[in-house]
Amino acid sequence: MTTHGETIRVLEAGEEEALERFLLRYATSSMFLRSNLRQGGIVDRGAIYQATYAALLRDGEIASAAAHCWNGMLVLQAPVATQQVAVVATAATGRAIAGIVGPLTQVRRAREGLALGTRPTFTDSAEDLFHLDLRDLQVPKLLSSGGAMCRRSTPADYPKLAEWRVAYSQETFRRPVSEALGRESRDEVERLSAEGAQFVLEVGGRLVSCCTFNARLPDLVQIGGVFTPVLLRQRGYGRAVVAGALLAAREAGTAGAILFTGRGNEAAQKAYSALGFVRVGDYGLVILQA
């Protein structure tokens, strides 16, 4: 698609640096894109972390981008020509669109441009985007006093973590319980654990909370999948497991952290602010029903 000296097309091997250079301009809201590009590359063969990347190019420089990922999610960093790059990316894959994630206004524009406005959703959420310089991390007393221990997960944790991930998907994304969700949850737990991206909190030898890095780079990590069972909430466990994961990231040399959470989730907002996170923008998440 070419108009008035601008071109919208699928990116090819060799254009990774140009895409990374563009995404760095919007680093706090580009974690999924940057992390997936680093782990899966720019060529889409349908493997985990891979995507088809479409971009608007002006004078050879990328000005807008969208990625239709292996799991059906459309991920955006498309401040201009949002609808057009979304259409090119999704048309190129032949995959169904499972959802849309990215800066809030872009998610809304892409959804309209793809004629998905009336499609039923599991989730349609306006989120607050937060950033933390890990030098400013405020470690909760529960963790610093030794009252709880945060560690990376092991195979012995998989059954409990898979159960929790199903519950998290129900609560956060309103996904119905099914055998498929159970299998997917177990697979995600095992994959994230193998990558060193799944963390658990123990109190008295008992698992009480968990979180993940759902996107990872040398300079930044993004927190996701924070879950504490209902009967164990309001004890600071979620805050502590996030802090423990971020301490591990800081010790590895990572400089900052990103997360997003629903605007109406007052408990999470309070917990993340107490850790030192500062709101830096708006984010959107839509998960579509099949």
C-alpha atoms as a PDB file:
ATOM      1  CA  MET A   1       0.000   0.000   0.000  1.00  0.00           C
ATOM      2  CA  THR A   2       1.663   3.238  -1.191  1.00  0.00           C
ATOM      3  CA  THR A   3       0.254   6.763  -1.032  1.00  0.00           C
ATOM      4  CA  HIS A   4       1.869  10.209  -1.293  1.00  0.00           C
ATOM      5  CA  GLY A   5       5.399   8.908  -0.835  1.00  0.00           C
ATOM      6  CA  GLU A   6       4.486   6.697   2.103  1.00  0.00           C
ATOM      7  CA  THR A   7       4.516   2.910   2.043  1.00  0.00           C
ATOM      8  CA  ILE A   8       2.757   0.440   4.310  1.00  0.00           C
ATOM      9  CA  ARG A   9       4.091  -3.091   3.980  1.00  0.00           C
ATOM     10  CA  VAL A  10       5.217  -6.187   5.837  1.00  0.00           C
ATOM     11  CA  LEU A  11       8.733  -5.893   7.212  1.00  0.00           C
ATOM     12  CA  GLU A  12      11.395  -8.369   6.116  1.00  0.00           C
ATOM     13  CA  ALA A  13      14.609  -9.924   7.415  1.00  0.00           C
ATOM     14  CA  GLY A  14      17.263  -7.245   7.745  1.00  0.00           C
ATOM     15  CA  GLU A  15      14.870  -4.583   9.033  1.00  0.00           C
ATOM     16  CA  GLU A  16      15.109  -5.550  12.692  1.00  0.00           C
ATOM     17  CA  GLU A  17      17.349  -2.622  13.633  1.00  0.00           C
ATOM     18  CA  ALA A  18      15.055  -0.102  11.958  1.00  0.00           C
ATOM     19  CA  LEU A  19      12.067  -1.486  13.864  1.00  0.00           C
ATOM     20  CA  GLU A  20      13.928  -1.511  17.174  1.00  0.00           C
ATOM     21  CA  ARG A  21      15.089   2.070  16.573  1.00  0.00           C
ATOM     22  CA  PHE A  22      11.471   3.148  16.076  1.00  0.00           C
ATOM     23  CA  LEU A  23      10.146   1.211  19.069  1.00  0.00           C
ATOM     24  CA  LEU A  24      12.764   2.720  21.377  1.00  0.00           C
ATOM     25  CA  ARG A  25      11.053   6.080  20.881  1.00  0.00           C
ATOM     26  CA  TYR A  26       8.063   4.600  22.692  1.00  0.00           C
ATOM     27  CA  ALA A  27       9.902   2.219  25.003  1.00  0.00           C
ATOM     28  CA  THR A  28       7.430   2.151  27.897  1.00  0.00           C
ATOM     29  CA  SER A  29       4.484   1.117  25.701  1.00  0.00           C
ATOM     30  CA  SER A  30       6.407  -1.185  23.334  1.00  0.00           C
ATOM     31  CA  MET A  31       7.474  -3.982  25.655  1.00  0.00           C
ATOM     32  CA  PHE A  32       5.578  -6.804  23.945  1.00  0.00           C
ATOM     33  CA  LEU A  33       6.819  -5.714  20.524  1.00  0.00           C
ATOM     34  CA  ARG A  34      10.459  -5.279  21.547  1.00  0.00           C
ATOM     35  CA  SER A  35      10.565  -8.484  23.585  1.00  0.00           C
ATOM     36  CA  ASN A  36       8.869 -10.592  20.913  1.00  0.00           C
ATOM     37  CA  LEU A  37      11.143  -9.175  18.217  1.00  0.00           C
ATOM     38  CA  ARG A  38      14.199 -10.033  20.298  1.00  0.00           C
ATOM     39  CA  GLN A  39      13.045 -13.567  21.095  1.00  0.00           C
ATOM     40  CA  GLY A  40      11.235 -14.539  17.903  1.00  0.00           C
ATOM     41  CA  GLY A  41      12.867 -12.457  15.188  1.00  0.00           C
ATOM     42  CA  ILE A  42      11.142 -10.548  12.402  1.00  0.00           C
ATOM     43  CA  VAL A  43      10.318 -13.529  10.148  1.00  0.00           C
ATOM     44  CA  ASP A  44       6.999 -15.167  10.988  1.00  0.00           C
ATOM     45  CA  ARG A  45       6.881 -18.968  10.879  1.00  0.00           C
ATOM     46  CA  GLY A  46       4.119 -19.230  13.459  1.00  0.00           C
ATOM     47  CA  ALA A  47       6.378 -20.172  16.368  1.00  0.00           C
ATOM     48  CA  ILE A  48       6.042 -18.783  19.893  1.00  0.00           C
ATOM     49  CA  TYR A  49       6.992 -15.064  20.077  1.00  0.00           C
ATOM     50  CA  GLN A  50       6.909 -14.691  16.295  1.00  0.00           C
ATOM     51  CA  ALA A  51       4.701 -12.231  14.443  1.00  0.00           C
ATOM     52  CA  THR A  52       4.118 -10.605  11.095  1.00  0.00           C
ATOM     53  CA  TYR A  53       5.194  -6.968  11.418  1.00  0.00           C
ATOM     54  CA  ALA A  54       3.631  -4.326   9.176  1.00  0.00           C
ATOM     55  CA  ALA A  55       4.892  -0.750   9.170  1.00  0.00           C
ATOM     56  CA  LEU A  56       4.348   2.671   7.681  1.00  0.00           C
ATOM     57  CA  LEU A  57       7.614   3.918   6.158  1.00  0.00           C
ATOM     58  CA  ARG A  58       8.351   7.558   5.450  1.00  0.00           C
ATOM     59  CA  ASP A  59      11.581   8.292   3.607  1.00  0.00           C
ATOM     60  CA  GLY A  60      12.795   4.833   4.597  1.00  0.00           C
ATOM     61  CA  GLU A  61      12.138   5.311   8.316  1.00  0.00           C
ATOM     62  CA  ILE A  62       9.427   3.493  10.256  1.00  0.00           C
ATOM     63  CA  ALA A  63       6.738   5.838  11.582  1.00  0.00           C
ATOM     64  CA  SER A  64       4.128   3.306  12.728  1.00  0.00           C
ATOM     65  CA  ALA A  65       3.986  -0.457  13.302  1.00  0.00           C
ATOM     66  CA  ALA A  66       1.646  -3.336  14.105  1.00  0.00           C
ATOM     67  CA  ALA A  67       2.356  -7.011  14.724  1.00  0.00           C
ATOM     68  CA  HIS A  68      -0.085  -9.892  14.348  1.00  0.00           C
ATOM     69  CA  CYS A  69       1.379 -12.513  16.643  1.00  0.00           C
ATOM     70  CA  TRP A  70       1.538 -16.318  16.726  1.00  0.00           C
ATOM     71  CA  ASN A  71      -1.265 -16.377  19.314  1.00  0.00           C
ATOM     72  CA  GLY A  72      -3.617 -14.153  17.313  1.00  0.00           C
ATOM     73  CA  MET A  73      -3.011 -11.000  19.327  1.00  0.00           C
ATOM     74  CA  LEU A  74      -2.548  -7.747  17.407  1.00  0.00           C
ATOM     75  CA  VAL A  75       0.087  -5.598  19.132  1.00  0.00           C
ATOM     76  CA  LEU A  76       0.322  -1.917  18.279  1.00  0.00           C
ATOM     77  CA  GLN A  77       2.772   0.944  18.293  1.00  0.00           C
ATOM     78  CA  ALA A  78       1.012   2.866  15.579  1.00  0.00           C
ATOM     79  CA  PRO A  79       0.611   6.557  16.415  1.00  0.00           C
ATOM     80  CA  VAL A  80      -0.257   7.331  12.779  1.00  0.00           C
ATOM     81  CA  ALA A  81      -2.100   5.306  10.127  1.00  0.00           C
ATOM     82  CA  THR A  82      -3.178   2.971  12.924  1.00  0.00           C
ATOM     83  CA  GLN A  83      -6.022   1.363  11.054  1.00  0.00           C
ATOM     84  CA  GLN A  84      -4.013   0.885   7.859  1.00  0.00           C
ATOM     85  CA  VAL A  85      -1.027  -0.881   9.440  1.00  0.00           C
ATOM     86  CA  ALA A  86      -3.394  -3.041  11.498  1.00  0.00           C
ATOM     87  CA  VAL A  87      -5.224  -4.123   8.360  1.00  0.00           C
ATOM     88  CA  VAL A  88      -1.993  -4.946   6.491  1.00  0.00           C
ATOM     89  CA  ALA A  89      -0.540  -6.944   9.408  1.00  0.00           C
ATOM     90  CA  THR A  90      -3.652  -9.042  10.004  1.00  0.00           C
ATOM     91  CA  ALA A  91      -4.370  -9.597   6.312  1.00  0.00           C
ATOM     92  CA  ALA A  92      -0.863 -10.953   5.791  1.00  0.00           C
ATOM     93  CA  THR A  93      -1.099 -13.741   8.388  1.00  0.00           C
ATOM     94  CA  GLY A  94      -4.404 -15.417   7.640  1.00  0.00           C
ATOM     95  CA  ARG A  95      -4.830 -15.900  11.401  1.00  0.00           C
ATOM     96  CA  ALA A  96      -7.928 -15.037  13.341  1.00  0.00           C
ATOM     97  CA  ILE A  97      -7.635 -11.930  15.496  1.00  0.00           C
ATOM     98  CA  ALA A  98      -7.752 -12.994  19.148  1.00  0.00           C
ATOM     99  CA  GLY A  99      -7.395  -9.517  20.619  1.00  0.00           C
ATOM    100  CA  ILE A 100      -5.680  -6.140  20.475  1.00  0.00           C
ATOM    101  CA  VAL A 101      -3.177  -4.578  22.873  1.00  0.00           C
ATOM    102  CA  GLY A 102      -1.266  -1.306  22.870  1.00  0.00           C
ATOM    103  CA  PRO A 103      -1.732   2.402  23.614  1.00  0.00           C
ATOM    104  CA  LEU A 104      -5.405   2.947  24.374  1.00  0.00           C
ATOM    105  CA  THR A 105      -6.364   5.310  21.542  1.00  0.00           C
ATOM    106  CA  GLN A 106      -4.593   3.061  19.044  1.00  0.00           C
ATOM    107  CA  VAL A 107      -6.431  -0.032  20.260  1.00  0.00           C
ATOM    108  CA  ARG A 108      -9.723   1.762  19.805  1.00  0.00           C
ATOM    109  CA  ARG A 109      -8.838   3.012  16.318  1.00  0.00           C
ATOM    110  CA  ALA A 110      -7.602  -0.403  15.177  1.00  0.00           C
ATOM    111  CA  ARG A 111     -10.686  -2.131  16.494  1.00  0.00           C
ATOM    112  CA  GLU A 112     -12.861   0.261  14.502  1.00  0.00           C
ATOM    113  CA  GLY A 113     -10.725  -0.087  11.372  1.00  0.00           C
ATOM    114  CA  LEU A 114     -10.923  -3.868  11.530  1.00  0.00           C
ATOM    115  CA  ALA A 115     -14.718  -3.742  11.950  1.00  0.00           C
ATOM    116  CA  LEU A 116     -14.512  -5.473  15.330  1.00  0.00           C
ATOM    117  CA  GLY A 117     -16.511  -2.908  17.272  1.00  0.00           C
ATOM    118  CA  THR A 118     -19.555  -5.139  17.687  1.00  0.00           C
ATOM    119  CA  ARG A 119     -17.677  -8.403  18.187  1.00  0.00           C
ATOM    120  CA  PRO A 120     -18.289  -9.854  21.689  1.00  0.00           C
ATOM    121  CA  THR A 121     -15.330  -9.638  24.046  1.00  0.00           C
ATOM    122  CA  PHE A 122     -14.020 -11.385  27.118  1.00  0.00           C
ATOM    123  CA  THR A 123     -12.077  -8.231  28.021  1.00  0.00           C
ATOM    124  CA  ASP A 124     -12.336  -4.613  26.916  1.00  0.00           C
ATOM    125  CA  SER A 125     -10.228  -2.682  29.372  1.00  0.00           C
ATOM    126  CA  ALA A 126      -8.725   0.778  29.690  1.00  0.00           C
ATOM    127  CA  GLU A 127      -5.510   0.352  31.656  1.00  0.00           C
ATOM    128  CA  ASP A 128      -2.997   2.605  33.390  1.00  0.00           C
ATOM    129  CA  LEU A 129       0.616   2.104  32.286  1.00  0.00           C
ATOM    130  CA  PHE A 130       3.278   2.343  35.015  1.00  0.00           C
ATOM    131  CA  HIS A 131       7.076   2.618  35.021  1.00  0.00           C
ATOM    132  CA  LEU A 132       9.605   2.100  37.801  1.00  0.00           C
ATOM    133  CA  ASP A 133      13.310   2.910  37.888  1.00  0.00           C
ATOM    134  CA  LEU A 134      14.559  -0.130  39.805  1.00  0.00           C
ATOM    135  CA  ARG A 135      16.914   2.055  41.818  1.00  0.00           C
ATOM    136  CA  ASP A 136      13.747   3.457  43.408  1.00  0.00           C
ATOM    137  CA  LEU A 137      12.133   0.101  44.234  1.00  0.00           C
ATOM    138  CA  GLN A 138      10.556   0.155  47.700  1.00  0.00           C
ATOM    139  CA  VAL A 139      10.957  -3.346  49.141  1.00  0.00           C
ATOM    140  CA  PRO A 140       8.035  -4.375  51.399  1.00  0.00           C
ATOM    141  CA  LYS A 141       8.865  -5.234  54.979  1.00  0.00           C
ATOM    142  CA  LEU A 142       7.316  -8.684  54.525  1.00  0.00           C
ATOM    143  CA  LEU A 143      10.111  -9.476  52.083  1.00  0.00           C
ATOM    144  CA  SER A 144      12.991  -7.544  53.623  1.00  0.00           C
ATOM    145  CA  SER A 145      12.316  -8.993  57.097  1.00  0.00           C
ATOM    146  CA  GLY A 146      12.409 -12.582  55.871  1.00  0.00           C
ATOM    147  CA  GLY A 147       8.730 -13.162  56.553  1.00  0.00           C
ATOM    148  CA  ALA A 148       8.335 -14.343  52.971  1.00  0.00           C
ATOM    149  CA  MET A 149      10.655 -15.700  50.299  1.00  0.00           C
ATOM    150  CA  CYS A 150      10.425 -15.015  46.582  1.00  0.00           C
ATOM    151  CA  ARG A 151      12.031 -17.452  44.150  1.00  0.00           C
ATOM    152  CA  ARG A 152      11.787 -18.673  40.592  1.00  0.00           C
ATOM    153  CA  SER A 153       9.352 -21.534  40.110  1.00  0.00           C
ATOM    154  CA  THR A 154      10.346 -25.195  39.824  1.00  0.00           C
ATOM    155  CA  PRO A 155       8.539 -28.212  38.302  1.00  0.00           C
ATOM    156  CA  ALA A 156       7.105 -29.058  41.716  1.00  0.00           C
ATOM    157  CA  ASP A 157       5.123 -25.806  41.523  1.00  0.00           C
ATOM    158  CA  TYR A 158       3.545 -26.476  38.119  1.00  0.00           C
ATOM    159  CA  PRO A 159       0.222 -28.042  39.241  1.00  0.00           C
ATOM    160  CA  LYS A 160      -0.579 -25.201  41.647  1.00  0.00           C
ATOM    161  CA  LEU A 161       0.593 -22.507  39.224  1.00  0.00           C
ATOM    162  CA  ALA A 162      -1.469 -23.964  36.371  1.00  0.00           C
ATOM    163  CA  GLU A 163      -4.525 -23.942  38.634  1.00  0.00           C
ATOM    164  CA  TRP A 164      -3.824 -20.333  39.574  1.00  0.00           C
ATOM    165  CA  ARG A 165      -3.324 -19.327  35.948  1.00  0.00           C
ATOM    166  CA  VAL A 166      -6.767 -20.656  35.049  1.00  0.00           C
ATOM    167  CA  ALA A 167      -8.222 -18.645  37.941  1.00  0.00           C
ATOM    168  CA  TYR A 168      -6.266 -15.566  36.818  1.00  0.00           C
ATOM    169  CA  SER A 169      -7.627 -15.889  33.267  1.00  0.00           C
ATOM    170  CA  GLN A 170     -11.159 -16.192  34.626  1.00  0.00           C
ATOM    171  CA  GLU A 171     -10.850 -13.200  36.918  1.00  0.00           C
ATOM    172  CA  THR A 172      -8.758 -10.871  34.779  1.00  0.00           C
ATOM    173  CA  PHE A 173      -9.877 -11.730  31.254  1.00  0.00           C
ATOM    174  CA  ARG A 174     -13.302 -13.303  32.016  1.00  0.00           C
ATOM    175  CA  ARG A 175     -12.378 -16.425  30.109  1.00  0.00           C
ATOM    176  CA  PRO A 176     -14.602 -19.425  30.786  1.00  0.00           C
ATOM    177  CA  VAL A 177     -13.112 -22.584  32.271  1.00  0.00           C
ATOM    178  CA  SER A 178     -12.461 -25.263  29.669  1.00  0.00           C
ATOM    179  CA  GLU A 179     -10.100 -28.127  28.974  1.00  0.00           C
ATOM    180  CA  ALA A 180      -8.376 -25.946  26.385  1.00  0.00           C
ATOM    181  CA  LEU A 181      -7.758 -23.198  28.957  1.00  0.00           C
ATOM    182  CA  GLY A 182      -6.370 -25.778  31.361  1.00  0.00           C
ATOM    183  CA  ARG A 183      -3.904 -27.110  28.781  1.00  0.00           C
ATOM    184  CA  GLU A 184      -2.926 -23.615  27.702  1.00  0.00           C
ATOM    185  CA  SER A 185      -2.364 -22.555  31.308  1.00  0.00           C
ATOM    186  CA  ARG A 186      -0.129 -25.538  32.059  1.00  0.00           C
ATOM    187  CA  ASP A 187       1.868 -24.942  28.857  1.00  0.00           C
ATOM    188  CA  GLU A 188       2.356 -21.265  29.736  1.00  0.00           C
ATOM    189  CA  VAL A 189       3.499 -22.084  33.259  1.00  0.00           C
ATOM    190  CA  GLU A 190       6.044 -24.590  32.000  1.00  0.00           C
ATOM    191  CA  ARG A 191       7.320 -22.243  29.274  1.00  0.00           C
ATOM    192  CA  LEU A 192       7.648 -19.221  31.539  1.00  0.00           C
ATOM    193  CA  SER A 193       9.312 -21.311  34.228  1.00  0.00           C
ATOM    194  CA  ALA A 194      11.811 -22.756  31.732  1.00  0.00           C
ATOM    195  CA  GLU A 195      12.631 -19.181  30.677  1.00  0.00           C
ATOM    196  CA  GLY A 196      13.201 -18.098  34.294  1.00  0.00           C
ATOM    197  CA  ALA A 197      10.270 -15.678  34.024  1.00  0.00           C
ATOM    198  CA  GLN A 198       7.864 -17.235  36.575  1.00  0.00           C
ATOM    199  CA  PHE A 199       8.155 -16.272  40.259  1.00  0.00           C
ATOM    200  CA  VAL A 200       6.435 -17.503  43.403  1.00  0.00           C
ATOM    201  CA  LEU A 201       6.174 -16.238  46.972  1.00  0.00           C
ATOM    202  CA  GLU A 202       6.420 -18.660  49.876  1.00  0.00           C
ATOM    203  CA  VAL A 203       5.339 -18.070  53.447  1.00  0.00           C
ATOM    204  CA  GLY A 204       6.114 -20.869  55.872  1.00  0.00           C
ATOM    205  CA  GLY A 205       6.927 -23.151  52.947  1.00  0.00           C
ATOM    206  CA  ARG A 206       3.502 -22.575  51.361  1.00  0.00           C
ATOM    207  CA  LEU A 207       2.926 -20.938  47.974  1.00  0.00           C
ATOM    208  CA  VAL A 208       0.835 -17.798  48.477  1.00  0.00           C
ATOM    209  CA  SER A 209       1.292 -15.669  45.341  1.00  0.00           C
ATOM    210  CA  CYS A 210       2.924 -15.545  41.911  1.00  0.00           C
ATOM    211  CA  CYS A 211       3.853 -13.241  39.051  1.00  0.00           C
ATOM    212  CA  THR A 212       5.694 -13.374  35.730  1.00  0.00           C
ATOM    213  CA  PHE A 213       7.784 -11.317  33.386  1.00  0.00           C
ATOM    214  CA  ASN A 214       5.535 -11.304  30.327  1.00  0.00           C
ATOM    215  CA  ALA A 215       8.118  -9.336  28.343  1.00  0.00           C
ATOM    216  CA  ARG A 216      11.858  -9.105  28.974  1.00  0.00           C
ATOM    217  CA  LEU A 217      14.736  -7.028  27.649  1.00  0.00           C
ATOM    218  CA  PRO A 218      18.213  -6.252  28.969  1.00  0.00           C
ATOM    219  CA  ASP A 219      17.043  -2.780  30.014  1.00  0.00           C
ATOM    220  CA  LEU A 220      13.424  -3.393  31.017  1.00  0.00           C
ATOM    221  CA  VAL A 221      11.108  -6.123  32.281  1.00  0.00           C
ATOM    222  CA  GLN A 222       7.325  -6.095  32.218  1.00  0.00           C
ATOM    223  CA  ILE A 223       5.356  -7.591  35.071  1.00  0.00           C
ATOM    224  CA  GLY A 224       2.243  -9.646  34.372  1.00  0.00           C
ATOM    225  CA  GLY A 225       0.227 -12.553  35.725  1.00  0.00           C
ATOM    226  CA  VAL A 226       0.181 -11.285  39.320  1.00  0.00           C
ATOM    227  CA  PHE A 227      -2.134 -13.590  41.250  1.00  0.00           C
ATOM    228  CA  THR A 228      -2.956 -14.292  44.881  1.00  0.00           C
ATOM    229  CA  PRO A 229      -5.797 -16.693  45.796  1.00  0.00           C
ATOM    230  CA  VAL A 230      -8.863 -14.872  47.127  1.00  0.00           C
ATOM    231  CA  LEU A 231      -8.557 -16.199  50.688  1.00  0.00           C
ATOM    232  CA  LEU A 232      -4.944 -15.007  50.924  1.00  0.00           C
ATOM    233  CA  ARG A 233      -5.470 -11.441  49.732  1.00  0.00           C
ATOM    234  CA  GLN A 234      -4.980  -8.170  51.624  1.00  0.00           C
ATOM    235  CA  ARG A 235      -1.825  -9.492  53.279  1.00  0.00           C
ATOM    236  CA  GLY A 236       0.717  -7.838  50.973  1.00  0.00           C
ATOM    237  CA  TYR A 237       1.608 -11.046  49.134  1.00  0.00           C
ATOM    238  CA  GLY A 238       1.090  -9.679  45.614  1.00  0.00           C
ATOM    239  CA  ARG A 239       3.218  -6.648  46.367  1.00  0.00           C
ATOM    240  CA  ALA A 240       5.931  -8.853  47.842  1.00  0.00           C
ATOM    241  CA  VAL A 241       6.137 -11.292  44.923  1.00  0.00           C
ATOM    242  CA  VAL A 242       6.404  -8.410  42.444  1.00  0.00           C
ATOM    243  CA  ALA A 243       9.135  -6.815  44.553  1.00  0.00           C
ATOM    244  CA  GLY A 244      11.011 -10.113  44.749  1.00  0.00           C
ATOM    245  CA  ALA A 245      10.887 -10.586  40.984  1.00  0.00           C
ATOM    246  CA  LEU A 246      12.115  -7.021  40.468  1.00  0.00           C
ATOM    247  CA  LEU A 247      14.963  -7.509  42.934  1.00  0.00           C
ATOM    248  CA  ALA A 248      16.083 -10.466  40.815  1.00  0.00           C
ATOM    249  CA  ALA A 249      15.895  -8.312  37.694  1.00  0.00           C
ATOM    250  CA  ARG A 250      17.864  -5.500  39.343  1.00  0.00           C
ATOM    251  CA  GLU A 251      20.567  -7.904  40.483  1.00  0.00           C
ATOM    252  CA  ALA A 252      20.849  -9.070  36.850  1.00  0.00           C
ATOM    253  CA  GLY A 253      21.482  -5.483  35.743  1.00  0.00           C
ATOM    254  CA  THR A 254      18.014  -4.506  34.517  1.00  0.00           C
ATOM    255  CA  ALA A 255      17.325  -0.787  34.935  1.00  0.00           C
ATOM    256  CA  GLY A 256      13.548  -0.503  34.912  1.00  0.00           C
ATOM    257  CA  ALA A 257      10.161  -2.175  34.996  1.00  0.00           C
ATOM    258  CA  ILE A 258       6.805  -1.699  33.291  1.00  0.00           C
ATOM    259  CA  LEU A 259       3.330  -2.938  34.118  1.00  0.00           C
ATOM    260  CA  PHE A 260      -0.266  -2.066  33.318  1.00  0.00           C
ATOM    261  CA  THR A 261      -3.409  -2.579  35.338  1.00  0.00           C
ATOM    262  CA  GLY A 262      -7.092  -1.732  35.070  1.00  0.00           C
ATOM    263  CA  ARG A 263      -8.093   1.788  36.027  1.00  0.00           C
ATOM    264  CA  GLY A 264     -10.697   0.457  38.423  1.00  0.00           C
ATOM    265  CA  ASN A 265      -8.352  -1.951  40.218  1.00  0.00           C
ATOM    266  CA  GLU A 266      -7.741   0.193  43.285  1.00  0.00           C
ATOM    267  CA  ALA A 267      -5.967  -2.518  45.283  1.00  0.00           C
ATOM    268  CA  ALA A 268      -3.423  -3.125  42.520  1.00  0.00           C
ATOM    269  CA  GLN A 269      -2.957   0.599  41.892  1.00  0.00           C
ATOM    270  CA  LYS A 270      -2.216   1.143  45.582  1.00  0.00           C
ATOM    271  CA  ALA A 271       0.190  -1.809  45.763  1.00  0.00           C
ATOM    272  CA  TYR A 272       2.185  -0.761  42.710  1.00  0.00           C
ATOM    273  CA  SER A 273       2.394   2.855  43.816  1.00  0.00           C
ATOM    274  CA  ALA A 274       3.761   1.663  47.177  1.00  0.00           C
ATOM    275  CA  LEU A 275       6.557  -0.145  45.309  1.00  0.00           C
ATOM    276  CA  GLY A 276       7.495   3.120  43.575  1.00  0.00           C
ATOM    277  CA  PHE A 277       5.735   2.725  40.215  1.00  0.00           C
ATOM    278  CA  VAL A 278       4.671   5.966  38.525  1.00  0.00           C
ATOM    279  CA  ARG A 279       1.874   6.255  35.973  1.00  0.00           C
ATOM    280  CA  VAL A 280       3.238   7.134  32.521  1.00  0.00           C
ATOM    281  CA  GLY A 281       0.307   6.647  30.152  1.00  0.00           C
ATOM    282  CA  ASP A 282      -2.825   4.910  28.955  1.00  0.00           C
ATOM    283  CA  TYR A 283      -2.954   1.370  27.660  1.00  0.00           C
ATOM    284  CA  GLY A 284      -5.690  -0.784  26.164  1.00  0.00           C
ATOM    285  CA  LEU A 285      -6.457  -4.483  26.151  1.00  0.00           C
ATOM    286  CA  VAL A 286      -9.197  -6.192  24.171  1.00  0.00           C
ATOM    287  CA  ILE A 287      -9.637  -9.972  24.096  1.00  0.00           C
ATOM    288  CA  LEU A 288     -12.243 -11.119  21.618  1.00  0.00           C
ATOM    289  CA  GLN A 289     -14.587 -14.050  21.873  1.00  0.00           C
ATOM    290  CA  ALA A 290     -14.172 -16.594  19.103  1.00  0.00           C
END
